[in-house]
Protein backbone atom coordinates (compact mmCIF):
# COMPACT_ATOMS: atom_id res chain seq x y z
CA MET A 1 3.48 25.17 10.08
CA ALA A 2 5.05 25.05 6.61
CA GLU A 3 2.70 24.30 3.72
CA GLU A 4 4.41 21.03 2.89
CA GLN A 5 3.80 19.77 6.44
CA THR A 6 0.02 20.27 6.44
CA GLN A 7 -2.35 17.31 6.41
CA ALA A 8 -2.96 17.55 2.67
CA LEU A 9 0.01 16.65 0.50
CA SER A 10 1.49 19.89 -0.84
CA LEU A 11 1.49 19.89 -4.64
CA ARG A 12 3.98 22.77 -4.68
CA ALA A 13 6.45 20.78 -2.58
CA ALA A 14 5.83 17.63 -4.62
CA TYR A 15 6.40 19.39 -7.94
CA ALA A 16 9.65 20.89 -6.70
CA PHE A 17 10.79 17.59 -5.20
CA GLY A 18 10.02 15.67 -8.39
CA ALA A 19 11.82 18.21 -10.56
CA ALA A 20 14.86 18.07 -8.29
CA ASN A 21 14.95 14.28 -8.65
CA GLY A 22 14.93 13.96 -12.41
CA LEU A 23 11.15 14.05 -12.94
CA ARG A 24 10.73 17.62 -14.19
CA ARG A 25 8.89 16.60 -17.37
CA GLU A 26 6.57 14.20 -15.53
CA VAL A 27 5.57 16.62 -12.77
CA GLU A 28 5.03 19.40 -15.32
CA GLU A 29 2.66 17.10 -17.23
CA ILE A 30 0.69 16.53 -14.01
CA ARG A 31 0.64 20.25 -13.27
CA GLN A 32 -0.60 21.10 -16.78
CA MET A 33 -2.89 18.11 -17.39
CA ALA A 34 -6.35 18.97 -18.72
CA ILE A 35 -8.88 17.35 -16.40
CA GLU A 36 -11.96 16.24 -18.29
CA TRP A 37 -14.51 15.70 -15.54
CA ASP A 38 -16.52 18.34 -13.72
CA VAL A 39 -15.74 17.90 -10.04
CA SER A 40 -14.34 20.25 -7.45
CA TYR A 41 -11.52 18.07 -6.14
CA THR A 42 -9.10 18.24 -9.05
CA SER A 43 -6.18 18.97 -6.70
CA SER A 44 -6.64 15.61 -5.01
CA LEU A 45 -6.69 13.99 -8.45
CA ARG A 46 -3.32 15.59 -9.21
CA ARG A 47 -2.08 14.40 -5.82
CA GLY A 48 -3.04 10.87 -6.83
CA TYR A 49 -0.91 11.14 -9.95
CA VAL A 50 1.96 12.62 -7.94
CA VAL A 51 1.85 9.80 -5.37
CA ALA A 52 1.78 7.15 -8.12
CA LEU A 53 4.71 8.82 -9.89
CA LEU A 54 6.86 9.06 -6.75
CA GLU A 55 6.08 5.47 -5.77
CA LYS A 56 6.97 4.27 -9.28
CA HIS A 57 10.42 5.82 -8.92
CA ASP A 58 10.93 4.75 -5.27
CA LEU A 59 10.86 8.38 -4.10
CA TYR A 60 7.66 8.50 -2.07
CA GLU A 61 9.20 7.46 1.26
CA ARG A 62 11.91 10.11 0.94
CA PHE A 63 9.37 12.72 -0.05
CA LYS A 64 7.41 12.01 3.13
CA GLN A 65 10.52 12.21 5.26
CA GLU A 66 11.56 15.54 3.78
CA HIS A 67 8.27 17.28 3.00
CA TRP A 68 5.19 15.51 4.36
CA SER A 69 5.68 13.92 7.78
CA PHE A 70 1.90 13.66 8.15
CA GLY A 71 2.04 11.04 5.40
CA ASN A 72 3.74 8.65 7.83
CA THR A 73 0.71 8.61 10.14
CA PRO A 74 -2.33 6.33 9.77
CA ARG A 75 -4.42 9.33 8.72
CA GLY A 76 -1.76 10.25 6.18
CA GLU A 77 -1.91 6.75 4.76
CA THR A 78 -5.70 7.12 4.53
CA ARG A 79 -5.18 10.27 2.48
CA ARG A 80 -2.71 8.48 0.21
CA ARG A 81 -5.27 5.75 -0.46
CA ARG A 82 -7.96 8.34 -1.18
CA TYR A 83 -5.73 10.19 -3.65
CA LEU A 84 -4.99 6.95 -5.49
CA ARG A 85 -8.68 5.96 -5.41
CA ILE A 86 -9.67 9.28 -7.02
CA LYS A 87 -7.00 8.73 -9.68
CA ALA A 88 -8.40 5.26 -10.38
CA GLN A 89 -11.93 6.69 -10.66
CA TYR A 90 -10.72 9.27 -13.15
CA GLU A 91 -8.96 6.67 -15.27
CA GLU A 92 -12.16 4.57 -15.27
CA PHE A 93 -14.02 7.66 -16.47
CA LEU A 94 -11.49 8.19 -19.28
CA ALA A 95 -12.00 4.56 -20.29
CA GLY A 96 -15.72 5.15 -20.72
CA GLY A 97 -17.10 4.92 -17.20
CA GLN A 98 -19.41 7.34 -15.46
CA PRO A 99 -17.87 10.36 -13.71
CA PRO A 100 -18.66 10.95 -10.04
CA GLY A 101 -21.37 13.47 -9.33
CA PRO A 102 -20.47 17.11 -8.73
CA GLY A 103 -19.88 18.20 -5.19
CA PRO A 104 -17.21 18.25 -2.50
CA GLU A 105 -14.40 15.74 -2.29
CA PRO A 106 -15.66 12.44 -0.85
CA ASP A 107 -14.75 11.54 2.70
CA PRO A 108 -12.64 8.45 3.33
CA GLU A 109 -14.53 5.19 3.33
CA PRO A 110 -16.34 4.95 6.69
CA ASP A 111 -14.12 2.32 8.26
CA GLU A 112 -10.95 3.01 6.28
CA SER A 113 -8.97 4.59 9.11
CA LEU A 114 -9.95 1.83 11.51
CA GLU A 115 -9.20 -0.83 8.91
CA PHE A 116 -5.75 0.59 8.29
CA ALA A 117 -5.00 0.76 12.01
CA LEU A 118 -6.08 -2.85 12.57
CA GLU A 119 -4.16 -4.05 9.52
CA ALA A 120 -1.06 -2.22 10.75
CA HIS A 121 -1.40 -3.89 14.17
CA LEU A 122 -1.78 -7.29 12.50
CA ARG A 123 1.23 -6.63 10.27
CA ASP A 124 3.42 -5.55 13.19
CA PHE A 125 2.32 -8.52 15.31
CA LEU A 126 3.15 -10.99 12.54
CA ALA A 127 6.48 -9.26 11.90
CA ARG A 128 7.41 -10.14 15.49
CA ASN A 129 5.91 -13.64 15.27
CA LEU A 130 6.64 -14.92 11.78
CA ASP A 131 7.02 -18.46 13.09
CA ARG A 132 3.25 -18.49 13.57
CA ILE A 133 2.97 -18.39 9.79
CA GLU A 134 5.71 -20.92 9.12
CA PRO A 135 8.49 -22.30 11.33
CA GLY A 136 11.85 -20.72 10.62
CA LEU A 137 10.58 -17.58 8.90
CA ARG A 138 12.50 -14.41 9.72
CA LEU A 139 11.99 -10.81 8.67
CA TYR A 140 14.10 -9.57 5.76
CA GLU A 141 16.74 -7.05 6.85
CA SER A 142 19.55 -5.51 4.84
CA GLY A 143 21.24 -2.41 6.18
CA GLU A 144 18.49 0.09 6.90
CA ARG A 145 15.93 -1.77 4.79
CA ARG A 146 13.45 -4.00 6.62
CA GLY A 147 10.71 -6.26 5.36
CA ILE A 148 7.81 -4.27 6.84
CA GLU A 149 5.89 -2.25 4.22
CA PHE A 150 8.76 -3.08 1.87
CA PRO A 151 8.64 -0.58 -1.05
CA VAL A 152 8.55 -1.89 -4.61
CA GLU A 153 7.71 -0.16 -7.85
CA GLY A 154 3.98 0.52 -7.72
CA GLY A 155 3.26 -0.54 -4.16
CA ARG A 156 4.44 -1.96 -0.85
CA ILE A 157 4.80 -5.53 0.33
CA ASP A 158 3.15 -5.95 3.73
CA LEU A 159 5.84 -8.33 4.95
CA LEU A 160 8.94 -9.65 3.21
CA ALA A 161 10.47 -12.65 4.97
CA ILE A 162 13.18 -15.26 4.42
CA ASP A 163 12.57 -18.97 5.00
CA GLN A 164 14.86 -21.65 6.39
CA ALA A 165 16.28 -22.32 2.92
CA GLY A 166 17.21 -18.65 2.44
CA LYS A 167 14.41 -18.01 -0.07
CA TYR A 168 12.23 -14.91 -0.04
CA VAL A 169 8.62 -15.17 1.12
CA VAL A 170 6.17 -12.40 0.19
CA ILE A 171 3.25 -12.00 2.63
CA GLU A 172 0.13 -10.07 1.66
CA LEU A 173 -2.40 -9.26 4.40
CA LYS A 174 -6.10 -8.61 3.86
CA LEU A 175 -8.12 -7.43 6.81
CA SER A 176 -11.39 -8.22 5.06
CA ARG A 177 -12.30 -10.99 2.63
CA GLY A 178 -9.41 -12.28 0.56
CA ARG A 179 -10.59 -11.01 -2.82
CA ASN A 180 -9.36 -12.38 -6.11
CA LYS A 181 -7.38 -9.25 -6.94
CA ALA A 182 -5.17 -10.02 -3.95
CA LEU A 183 -3.70 -12.89 -5.97
CA GLY A 184 -2.73 -10.66 -8.87
CA GLN A 185 -1.15 -8.17 -6.50
CA LEU A 186 0.80 -10.91 -4.72
CA LEU A 187 2.05 -12.40 -8.00
CA TYR A 188 3.29 -8.99 -9.12
CA TYR A 189 5.19 -8.55 -5.85
CA MET A 190 6.67 -12.04 -6.16
CA GLY A 191 7.79 -11.35 -9.72
CA TRP A 192 9.33 -8.06 -8.63
CA ILE A 193 11.29 -9.75 -5.84
CA ASP A 194 12.56 -12.47 -8.18
CA GLN A 195 13.65 -9.88 -10.72
CA HIS A 196 15.26 -7.39 -8.35
CA LEU A 197 16.51 -9.43 -5.37
CA GLY A 198 17.12 -12.79 -7.04
CA GLN A 199 17.41 -16.18 -5.31
CA GLY A 200 14.09 -17.09 -6.92
CA PRO A 201 11.61 -18.38 -7.32
CA CYS A 202 10.21 -16.89 -4.13
CA ARG A 203 7.01 -18.02 -2.40
CA GLY A 204 3.99 -16.09 -1.30
CA TYR A 205 1.20 -16.07 1.28
CA ILE A 206 -2.19 -14.41 1.27
CA ILE A 207 -3.41 -14.07 4.85
CA ALA A 208 -7.01 -12.93 5.33
CA SER A 209 -9.83 -13.20 7.83
CA GLU A 210 -11.90 -15.03 5.22
CA ILE A 211 -10.83 -16.91 2.09
CA THR A 212 -13.40 -17.09 -0.69
CA ASP A 213 -13.94 -20.28 -2.68
CA GLU A 214 -13.01 -18.38 -5.83
CA LEU A 215 -9.66 -17.34 -4.39
CA ALA A 216 -8.93 -20.87 -3.15
CA ILE A 217 -9.66 -22.27 -6.62
CA ALA A 218 -7.44 -19.68 -8.29
CA VAL A 219 -4.55 -20.29 -5.89
CA SER A 220 -4.79 -24.05 -6.46
CA ARG A 221 -3.44 -23.44 -9.96
CA VAL A 222 -0.51 -21.27 -8.85
CA PRO A 223 2.63 -22.98 -7.54
CA GLY A 224 4.40 -21.32 -4.64
CA VAL A 225 1.36 -19.49 -3.23
CA SER A 226 -0.32 -20.46 0.04
CA LEU A 227 -3.43 -19.24 1.84
CA ALA A 228 -3.96 -18.75 5.54
CA LYS A 229 -6.73 -17.38 7.75
CA TYR A 230 -6.30 -15.39 10.93
CA ARG A 231 -8.56 -14.75 13.88
CA MET A 232 -8.37 -11.61 15.98
CA SER A 233 -9.66 -11.36 19.52
CA PHE A 234 -9.42 -8.98 22.44
CA ALA A 235 -10.01 -9.17 26.14
CA ILE A 236 -10.86 -6.62 28.83
CA GLU A 237 -9.12 -7.11 32.14
CA PRO A 238 -9.96 -5.17 35.28
CA VAL A 239 -7.10 -3.28 36.87
CA ALA A 240 -6.85 -3.49 40.64
CA ARG A 241 -6.84 -0.19 42.48
CA ALA A 242 -3.58 0.85 44.06
């Protein structure tokens, strides 16, 4: 198997891809950056910067298609989140925080893979049943672009829909408690849609299994944002013998 198709994102492939797409200076800065904490997983830190750079320039999806097919799997998405989490930890350290202790690279959060899988199932179910959120909603589609994991600069919108009036609706899903930072993320996505796709102002939804009082209070001051809760259930049915 080629290096760039292994489970870990290949820095060599990413550097070459970035340079070939007008980011030679940026990828060289990542390659040469002096890392100021004493941990063994500096390569994953560089991967975090590479992922953030490619996402910023709307190149990450193409990079995965051409060089890292594993990145399109749930486990690949878990690795992406870990790379970005390590980057965030490093930037907190540079801002005066405590560095992580020495030792091997941390494993993914215990339930992260399961959480991603469940969130993906929820996202795909709602994409097929948007009228359960609001009557008349339909999934955004334009050519080959669809409103599932819709890429924007600096992230992905879980679901991008269009309402009966032809206005965009940004839907952010949270498998766990709807934390306050979800609101800031949603507002950024809404602003991005208004700026890049027009027809604004768009509306937004935060859909979570639990909505905190703090989030409800914050949303009450923001026009165009709604909250919704979901419940998940499963059943086991016996299968008759042939």
